[in-house]
Amino acid sequence: MGQITVEKNAGGISGLCVITPTVHGDERGYFVETYNQNDMKEAGLDMTFVQDNQSCSVKGVLRGLHFQKQFPQGKLVRVIKGSVFDVAVDLRPGSQTYGKWFGIELTEGNKKQFYIPKGFAHGFLVLSDIAEFCYKCTDFYHPGDEGGLAWNDPSIGIAWPQVQGTYDGTASAKGYTLTDGTPLILSEKDQLWPGLTSLQA
């Protein structure tokens, strides 16, 4: 027990948690518990995960902002290789922080994990040459249930690190790069998501 420390309500947004595990290292390398149900329950995080996912992305890839509409997922995310800037946007109806965002850099070095409860949109930007990203979900992926928001919606105002470019009123990646000239890479679908006001229509 006691192998994690938890920062609750990260960024002043209720429910968001940054989890830092205890790393046991010596000359051989290290050992770390990446998930312990008892430790999570002791920290007040009593959820059940039903699916584990892993993705690999190259530098400049931005995935998001995604959510499921009828079957919302809580997600426990971490990086096992490289570095990403991970973001959650509060979409919970009636929340005092509706539309607010919080971001954190997750790296293979800091081994931090980010818990994003149901009712948030989620996305991340790859800052390293390559990144391997793992996450546990509290509900299954349901094809056809995915919703999304424009990653660059000015009404949300996410400060994506190293990103430069001019907003043209859409989620298009055209003209956006990282500060070292790496093009921003989004899927076709992620370049078509609308802004936050679309959810209030």
Protein backbone atom coordinates (compact mmCIF):
# COMPACT_ATOMS: atom_id res chain seq x y z
CA MET A 1 0.00 0.00 0.00
CA GLY A 2 0.99 3.62 -0.29
CA GLN A 3 2.78 3.28 -3.64
CA ILE A 4 1.16 6.38 -5.17
CA THR A 5 0.60 10.03 -4.43
CA VAL A 6 -2.47 11.69 -5.89
CA GLU A 7 -3.05 15.34 -6.76
CA LYS A 8 -6.82 15.70 -6.80
CA ASN A 9 -8.82 18.34 -8.66
CA ALA A 10 -5.85 19.15 -10.89
CA GLY A 11 -5.97 22.64 -12.33
CA GLY A 12 -8.91 23.43 -10.07
CA ILE A 13 -11.17 21.08 -12.03
CA SER A 14 -13.08 18.61 -9.85
CA GLY A 15 -12.37 14.97 -10.63
CA LEU A 16 -9.12 15.34 -12.53
CA CYS A 17 -6.26 13.52 -10.79
CA VAL A 18 -2.52 13.40 -11.40
CA ILE A 19 -1.06 10.19 -10.00
CA THR A 20 2.63 9.77 -9.27
CA PRO A 21 3.82 6.23 -8.55
CA THR A 22 6.69 5.23 -6.31
CA VAL A 23 9.65 4.13 -8.44
CA HIS A 24 12.05 1.57 -6.97
CA GLY A 25 15.36 1.92 -8.76
CA ASP A 26 18.91 0.65 -8.42
CA GLU A 27 21.88 -0.16 -10.66
CA ARG A 28 19.79 -2.81 -12.45
CA GLY A 29 17.02 -0.42 -13.49
CA TYR A 30 13.67 0.15 -11.83
CA PHE A 31 10.38 -1.39 -10.79
CA VAL A 32 7.05 0.41 -10.54
CA GLU A 33 3.46 -0.63 -9.96
CA THR A 34 1.52 0.91 -12.81
CA TYR A 35 -1.85 0.05 -11.29
CA ASN A 36 -2.90 -1.18 -7.86
CA GLN A 37 -6.63 -1.33 -7.14
CA ASN A 38 -6.16 -1.14 -3.37
CA ASP A 39 -4.00 1.98 -3.59
CA MET A 40 -6.50 3.60 -5.91
CA LYS A 41 -9.42 2.84 -3.59
CA GLU A 42 -7.44 4.18 -0.63
CA ALA A 43 -7.03 7.43 -2.61
CA GLY A 44 -10.78 7.57 -3.23
CA LEU A 45 -10.54 6.40 -6.85
CA ASP A 46 -12.92 3.47 -6.90
CA MET A 47 -13.59 2.70 -10.55
CA THR A 48 -13.58 -0.46 -12.65
CA PHE A 49 -11.57 -0.64 -15.85
CA VAL A 50 -12.76 -2.89 -18.66
CA GLN A 51 -10.40 -2.14 -21.55
CA ASP A 52 -6.69 -1.32 -22.01
CA ASN A 53 -5.46 0.49 -25.13
CA GLN A 54 -2.03 1.41 -26.48
CA SER A 55 -1.04 3.68 -29.35
CA CYS A 56 2.21 4.74 -30.99
CA SER A 57 2.55 8.15 -32.63
CA VAL A 58 5.31 10.23 -34.20
CA LYS A 59 6.29 13.77 -33.30
CA GLY A 60 3.69 16.39 -34.12
CA VAL A 61 0.73 14.02 -34.01
CA LEU A 62 -2.26 15.50 -32.20
CA ARG A 63 -5.08 13.10 -31.32
CA GLY A 64 -8.32 14.61 -30.10
CA LEU A 65 -10.33 16.07 -28.66
CA HIS A 66 -12.43 12.90 -28.23
CA PHE A 67 -15.29 11.69 -26.06
CA GLN A 68 -18.07 9.12 -26.20
CA LYS A 69 -21.59 10.53 -26.15
CA GLN A 70 -23.88 7.78 -24.83
CA PHE A 71 -21.21 5.58 -23.24
CA PRO A 72 -18.75 8.00 -21.61
CA GLN A 73 -15.39 6.63 -20.51
CA GLY A 74 -13.18 7.41 -17.57
CA LYS A 75 -9.53 7.07 -18.63
CA LEU A 76 -6.28 6.46 -16.76
CA VAL A 77 -3.52 7.48 -19.16
CA ARG A 78 0.28 7.26 -19.13
CA VAL A 79 3.27 7.30 -21.46
CA ILE A 80 5.74 4.41 -21.63
CA LYS A 81 7.99 5.91 -24.30
CA GLY A 82 8.63 9.52 -25.20
CA SER A 83 6.65 12.57 -24.16
CA VAL A 84 3.15 13.96 -24.78
CA PHE A 85 1.13 16.93 -23.63
CA ASP A 86 -2.15 15.46 -22.42
CA VAL A 87 -5.33 17.53 -22.15
CA ALA A 88 -8.80 17.14 -20.65
CA VAL A 89 -11.72 19.53 -21.24
CA ASP A 90 -14.68 19.57 -18.84
CA LEU A 91 -17.95 18.88 -20.69
CA ARG A 92 -20.09 17.94 -17.69
CA PRO A 93 -23.47 19.72 -17.82
CA GLY A 94 -23.84 22.08 -14.88
CA SER A 95 -20.17 21.91 -13.92
CA GLN A 96 -18.72 25.14 -12.53
CA THR A 97 -15.68 24.54 -14.76
CA TYR A 98 -17.58 23.62 -17.94
CA GLY A 99 -15.40 24.31 -20.98
CA LYS A 100 -12.23 24.66 -18.89
CA TRP A 101 -9.15 22.62 -19.71
CA PHE A 102 -6.14 21.23 -17.92
CA GLY A 103 -2.97 19.87 -19.49
CA ILE A 104 0.04 17.96 -18.21
CA GLU A 105 3.21 16.60 -19.78
CA LEU A 106 3.39 12.84 -19.40
CA THR A 107 6.76 11.24 -20.09
CA GLU A 108 8.53 7.92 -19.79
CA GLY A 109 10.78 9.66 -17.28
CA ASN A 110 8.24 11.19 -14.89
CA LYS A 111 5.94 8.13 -15.09
CA LYS A 112 2.99 10.29 -14.06
CA GLN A 113 -0.53 9.10 -14.80
CA PHE A 114 -3.56 11.26 -15.45
CA TYR A 115 -7.07 10.16 -14.49
CA ILE A 116 -9.82 11.76 -16.54
CA PRO A 117 -13.34 10.89 -15.33
CA LYS A 118 -16.45 10.53 -17.45
CA GLY A 119 -17.75 13.74 -18.96
CA PHE A 120 -14.48 15.11 -20.38
CA ALA A 121 -13.05 15.45 -23.87
CA HIS A 122 -9.50 14.16 -24.15
CA GLY A 123 -6.56 14.63 -26.48
CA PHE A 124 -2.78 14.69 -26.61
CA LEU A 125 0.11 16.12 -28.62
CA VAL A 126 3.33 14.17 -29.20
CA LEU A 127 6.43 16.22 -28.30
CA SER A 128 9.10 13.53 -28.72
CA ASP A 129 10.27 11.78 -31.90
CA ILE A 130 7.96 8.92 -31.04
CA ALA A 131 5.58 8.24 -28.16
CA GLU A 132 3.86 5.13 -26.90
CA PHE A 133 0.69 5.94 -25.00
CA CYS A 134 -1.29 3.55 -22.77
CA TYR A 135 -4.69 4.01 -21.19
CA LYS A 136 -7.25 2.10 -19.19
CA CYS A 137 -10.96 2.76 -19.81
CA THR A 138 -14.03 2.35 -17.60
CA ASP A 139 -16.25 1.50 -20.58
CA PHE A 140 -15.72 -0.22 -23.90
CA TYR A 141 -15.18 1.60 -27.18
CA HIS A 142 -18.52 1.89 -28.97
CA PRO A 143 -18.24 2.47 -32.74
CA GLY A 144 -20.48 5.28 -33.88
CA ASP A 145 -20.68 6.85 -30.42
CA GLU A 146 -17.62 9.08 -30.72
CA GLY A 147 -17.89 12.83 -30.40
CA GLY A 148 -15.22 15.45 -30.70
CA LEU A 149 -14.21 19.06 -30.38
CA ALA A 150 -11.84 21.21 -32.41
CA TRP A 151 -8.40 20.98 -30.82
CA ASN A 152 -7.81 24.71 -31.49
CA ASP A 153 -11.22 26.13 -30.54
CA PRO A 154 -10.43 29.64 -29.23
CA SER A 155 -13.37 29.51 -26.83
CA ILE A 156 -11.52 26.71 -25.01
CA GLY A 157 -8.09 28.22 -25.57
CA ILE A 158 -5.79 25.26 -24.99
CA ALA A 159 -2.16 26.39 -24.83
CA TRP A 160 -0.60 23.52 -26.75
CA PRO A 161 3.17 23.70 -26.12
CA GLN A 162 5.46 24.37 -29.10
CA VAL A 163 2.53 24.80 -31.51
CA GLN A 164 2.57 27.79 -33.82
CA GLY A 165 0.14 28.77 -36.56
CA THR A 166 -2.91 30.88 -37.32
CA TYR A 167 -6.47 29.81 -36.55
CA ASP A 168 -8.62 29.89 -39.70
CA GLY A 169 -11.95 29.13 -38.05
CA THR A 170 -11.67 25.36 -38.44
CA ALA A 171 -9.80 22.45 -36.84
CA SER A 172 -7.58 22.08 -39.90
CA ALA A 173 -3.89 21.42 -39.22
CA LYS A 174 -2.91 23.36 -42.33
CA GLY A 175 -0.24 25.94 -41.59
CA TYR A 176 0.43 24.68 -38.05
CA THR A 177 3.86 23.41 -36.98
CA LEU A 178 5.88 22.84 -33.86
CA THR A 179 8.54 25.43 -33.11
CA ASP A 180 11.20 23.21 -34.72
CA GLY A 181 9.24 23.13 -37.98
CA THR A 182 7.65 19.70 -37.50
CA PRO A 183 4.22 19.76 -39.19
CA LEU A 184 1.20 19.22 -36.97
CA ILE A 185 -0.46 15.92 -37.94
CA LEU A 186 -4.16 15.24 -37.35
CA SER A 187 -6.48 12.62 -38.77
CA GLU A 188 -9.01 13.77 -41.35
CA LYS A 189 -11.78 13.26 -38.79
CA ASP A 190 -10.01 15.30 -36.11
CA GLN A 191 -9.75 18.22 -38.53
CA LEU A 192 -13.53 18.33 -38.92
CA TRP A 193 -14.69 18.51 -35.30
CA PRO A 194 -16.71 21.64 -34.41
CA GLY A 195 -16.19 24.04 -31.53
CA LEU A 196 -17.59 23.99 -28.03
CA THR A 197 -20.69 25.96 -28.96
CA SER A 198 -21.87 23.02 -31.10
CA LEU A 199 -22.61 21.09 -27.89
CA GLN A 200 -24.83 23.87 -26.60
CA ALA A 201 -26.94 24.20 -29.73
